[in-house]
Protein backbone atom coordinates (compact mmCIF):
# COMPACT_ATOMS: atom_id res chain seq x y z
CA MET A 1 -19.45 -4.70 -21.79
CA ASN A 2 -20.72 -3.61 -25.22
CA ALA A 3 -21.54 -0.09 -26.34
CA GLU A 4 -25.19 -0.40 -25.38
CA GLN A 5 -24.31 -1.54 -21.82
CA VAL A 6 -21.88 1.38 -21.52
CA ALA A 7 -24.50 3.79 -22.63
CA ALA A 8 -27.00 2.24 -20.22
CA LEU A 9 -24.55 2.52 -17.31
CA ARG A 10 -23.91 6.23 -18.07
CA VAL A 11 -27.68 6.86 -18.23
CA LEU A 12 -28.31 4.93 -15.01
CA LEU A 13 -25.64 6.73 -13.10
CA ALA A 14 -26.34 10.22 -14.29
CA PRO A 15 -29.52 10.91 -12.09
CA THR A 16 -28.38 8.93 -9.10
CA GLY A 17 -25.69 11.36 -7.74
CA TRP A 18 -23.12 8.58 -7.62
CA LEU A 19 -20.69 10.35 -9.98
CA GLU A 20 -20.86 13.42 -7.72
CA ARG A 21 -20.55 11.47 -4.47
CA ALA A 22 -17.64 9.50 -5.81
CA SER A 23 -15.92 12.61 -7.01
CA ALA A 24 -16.32 14.30 -3.57
CA PHE A 25 -14.90 11.29 -1.77
CA ALA A 26 -12.09 11.14 -4.23
CA ARG A 27 -11.22 14.82 -3.63
CA ALA A 28 -11.08 14.04 0.19
CA LEU A 29 -8.92 11.06 -0.69
CA ARG A 30 -6.64 13.05 -2.92
CA HIS A 31 -6.05 15.83 -0.34
CA SER A 32 -5.82 13.74 2.82
CA SER A 33 -2.21 12.50 2.43
CA ARG A 34 0.73 14.81 2.08
CA THR A 35 3.51 12.33 1.31
CA PRO A 36 4.07 9.58 -1.22
CA GLY A 37 3.26 6.28 0.41
CA GLY A 38 1.28 8.17 3.11
CA LEU A 39 -1.98 6.82 1.78
CA LEU A 40 -2.56 3.46 3.67
CA VAL A 41 -5.05 1.17 2.03
CA VAL A 42 -6.40 -1.79 4.01
CA GLY A 43 -9.23 -4.26 3.64
CA ILE A 44 -10.80 -6.93 5.83
CA PRO A 45 -9.36 -10.34 6.42
CA GLY A 46 -9.32 -12.37 3.25
CA GLN A 47 -10.24 -9.41 1.00
CA GLU A 48 -7.30 -7.19 0.44
CA PRO A 49 -8.08 -4.30 -1.86
CA TRP A 50 -5.31 -5.12 -4.49
CA HIS A 51 -7.47 -3.87 -7.38
CA LEU A 52 -8.16 -0.46 -5.94
CA ALA A 53 -4.58 -0.10 -4.70
CA ALA A 54 -3.42 -0.79 -8.24
CA HIS A 55 -5.75 1.70 -9.75
CA LEU A 56 -4.69 4.38 -7.32
CA ASP A 57 -1.11 3.77 -8.08
CA GLU A 58 -1.78 4.12 -11.79
CA GLU A 59 -3.79 7.26 -11.19
CA SER A 60 -0.97 8.65 -9.09
CA ARG A 61 1.46 8.16 -11.96
CA LEU A 62 -0.76 9.32 -14.85
CA ALA A 63 -1.96 12.42 -12.99
CA GLY A 64 1.41 13.31 -11.42
CA ILE A 65 0.03 13.13 -7.84
CA PRO A 66 2.64 11.32 -5.79
CA GLU A 67 0.59 11.75 -2.61
CA LEU A 68 -2.01 9.45 -4.13
CA ALA A 69 0.53 6.47 -4.40
CA PRO A 70 -0.91 3.99 -2.02
CA THR A 71 0.68 1.63 0.53
CA LEU A 72 -1.22 -1.71 0.66
CA VAL A 73 -1.42 -2.78 4.17
CA ARG A 74 -1.94 -6.57 4.54
CA TRP A 75 -3.42 -8.78 7.41
CA ALA A 76 -0.77 -11.50 7.02
CA PRO A 77 1.99 -10.51 4.47
CA PRO A 78 4.40 -13.43 3.53
CA VAL A 79 7.84 -12.90 4.84
CA ASP A 80 9.37 -13.57 1.40
CA ALA A 81 7.10 -11.04 -0.41
CA PRO A 82 8.83 -8.03 -1.93
CA PRO A 83 9.19 -5.13 0.54
CA HIS A 84 6.30 -3.09 -0.82
CA LEU A 85 3.99 -6.16 -0.31
CA ARG A 86 5.30 -6.95 3.17
CA ILE A 87 3.50 -4.05 4.97
CA GLY A 88 1.58 -5.49 7.92
CA LEU A 89 -1.06 -4.12 10.24
CA GLU A 90 1.51 -2.73 12.68
CA ARG A 91 1.91 0.14 10.06
CA LEU A 92 -1.54 1.40 11.02
CA GLY A 93 -0.37 2.08 14.53
CA GLU A 94 2.44 4.16 13.15
CA ALA A 95 0.18 6.34 11.11
CA ARG A 96 0.57 10.14 11.76
CA ARG A 97 -0.71 13.54 10.73
CA GLY A 98 -0.20 14.13 7.07
CA GLU A 99 -1.06 10.44 6.33
CA SER A 100 -4.38 8.88 5.58
CA LEU A 101 -5.98 5.40 5.99
CA LEU A 102 -8.54 4.24 3.46
CA VAL A 103 -10.50 1.24 4.79
CA VAL A 104 -12.17 -0.78 2.00
CA SER A 105 -14.72 -2.93 3.71
CA PRO A 106 -17.45 -4.88 1.76
CA GLN A 107 -18.47 -6.45 5.05
CA ALA A 108 -18.56 -5.23 8.63
CA ALA A 109 -15.00 -4.41 9.79
CA PRO A 110 -13.88 -6.80 12.54
CA ASP A 111 -12.89 -5.41 15.98
CA PRO A 112 -9.16 -5.80 15.44
CA LEU A 113 -9.33 -3.59 12.41
CA LEU A 114 -11.56 -1.06 14.24
CA GLU A 115 -8.97 -0.89 16.99
CA ARG A 116 -6.20 -0.24 14.54
CA VAL A 117 -8.32 2.44 12.73
CA HIS A 118 -8.84 4.09 16.15
CA ASP A 119 -5.13 3.99 16.78
CA ALA A 120 -4.35 5.61 13.41
CA ARG A 121 -6.95 8.30 13.98
CA LYS A 122 -5.41 9.03 17.48
CA GLY A 123 -2.08 9.38 15.72
CA GLY A 124 -3.49 12.14 13.59
CA ALA A 125 -4.15 10.23 10.31
CA THR A 126 -7.22 11.08 8.24
CA ILE A 127 -9.55 8.16 8.06
CA LEU A 128 -11.61 7.39 4.99
CA ALA A 129 -14.02 4.48 4.66
CA LEU A 130 -15.45 2.86 1.57
CA ASP A 131 -17.99 0.41 2.96
CA ARG A 132 -21.46 -1.10 2.97
CA GLY A 133 -22.78 1.14 5.67
CA ASP A 134 -20.67 -0.03 8.63
CA ARG A 135 -21.88 2.31 11.46
CA GLN A 136 -18.85 1.77 13.74
CA LEU A 137 -16.38 2.36 10.90
CA ASP A 138 -18.28 5.33 9.54
CA GLU A 139 -18.24 7.00 13.00
CA MET A 140 -14.52 6.88 13.02
CA ALA A 141 -14.02 8.07 9.62
CA HIS A 142 -13.55 11.72 8.60
CA GLU A 143 -15.04 10.84 5.16
CA ALA A 144 -17.15 7.80 4.24
CA LEU A 145 -18.73 6.56 0.97
CA MET A 146 -21.40 3.95 1.62
CA VAL A 147 -22.34 1.47 -1.11
CA GLU A 148 -25.47 -0.07 0.51
CA PRO A 149 -26.40 -3.53 -0.83
CA GLY A 150 -29.38 -3.47 -3.05
CA ALA A 151 -29.83 0.31 -2.76
CA ALA A 152 -27.12 1.45 -5.08
CA PRO A 153 -27.16 1.27 -8.83
CA LEU A 154 -23.66 -0.15 -9.00
CA SER A 155 -21.67 -2.92 -7.33
CA PHE A 156 -19.04 -2.41 -4.65
CA ASP A 157 -16.29 -3.06 -7.22
CA ALA A 158 -17.82 -0.52 -9.57
CA ALA A 159 -17.74 2.10 -6.79
CA GLN A 160 -14.00 1.46 -6.33
CA HIS A 161 -13.45 2.10 -10.05
CA LEU A 162 -15.44 5.39 -9.74
CA VAL A 163 -13.34 6.56 -6.80
CA SER A 164 -9.92 5.60 -8.21
CA ALA A 165 -10.78 7.27 -11.58
CA ALA A 166 -11.96 10.46 -9.86
CA ALA A 167 -8.98 10.52 -7.53
CA GLY A 168 -6.72 11.12 -10.52
CA GLU A 169 -8.66 14.21 -11.62
CA ARG A 170 -7.29 17.56 -10.76
CA PRO A 171 -9.84 20.50 -10.62
CA GLU A 172 -7.83 22.59 -13.04
CA GLN A 173 -7.84 19.86 -15.78
CA ASP A 174 -10.03 20.60 -18.78
CA LYS A 175 -11.55 17.11 -18.84
CA GLY A 176 -14.11 16.33 -16.28
CA PHE A 177 -14.83 13.15 -14.32
CA ARG A 178 -17.65 12.14 -16.55
CA ALA A 179 -15.37 12.36 -19.62
CA ARG A 180 -12.67 10.24 -17.82
CA LEU A 181 -15.34 7.67 -16.83
CA ALA A 182 -16.49 7.44 -20.42
CA ARG A 183 -12.92 6.71 -21.48
CA LEU A 184 -12.63 4.10 -18.77
CA LEU A 185 -15.85 2.48 -19.90
CA ASP A 186 -14.87 2.62 -23.53
CA ALA A 187 -11.51 0.98 -22.68
CA VAL A 188 -13.39 -1.93 -20.99
CA SER A 189 -15.96 -2.27 -23.68
CA GLY A 190 -14.25 -0.94 -26.83
CA PRO A 191 -15.31 2.26 -28.71
CA ALA A 192 -18.97 2.67 -29.56
CA SER A 193 -19.70 1.59 -33.07
CA PRO A 194 -20.95 4.28 -35.48
């Protein structure tokens, strides 16, 4: 991205309400888990949300919010993977009050995932969904952020960036979400030329 594209994206997002929706969803995400590792992040088969989990982990460290440190839950973790990458779907059935489950679903969530989400909710976990308007998933979620195809001014991946950046913001911080987003965009594109 060059400086003109960054400026265009800022202008494009300003009137849409996306910055505010992402910020509200991120606040719910930030306050839903009370323990480090209690934020479970799962995707759909073949699309694990590695990138989002990595950004949430970074935001957790930078902002000093240990409860935001995610646990990536995988559909078929290799047995020889490091312990933190060996967490399988059975973990969702163990989710309890004080923990949360973030489902990242760019397509309709399959029935086996919906069943596990239901189990996590029955166990007391807070359910959050970042999806494309999956009615069944959204009905189970306490909070949902829908990125409808063709209707949103940004991609599903960009929405994940907005959420992770906003999740690291604390209300008492002087710098707002927009300033943080500007820094993120400048980091991607380089500083604006004079």
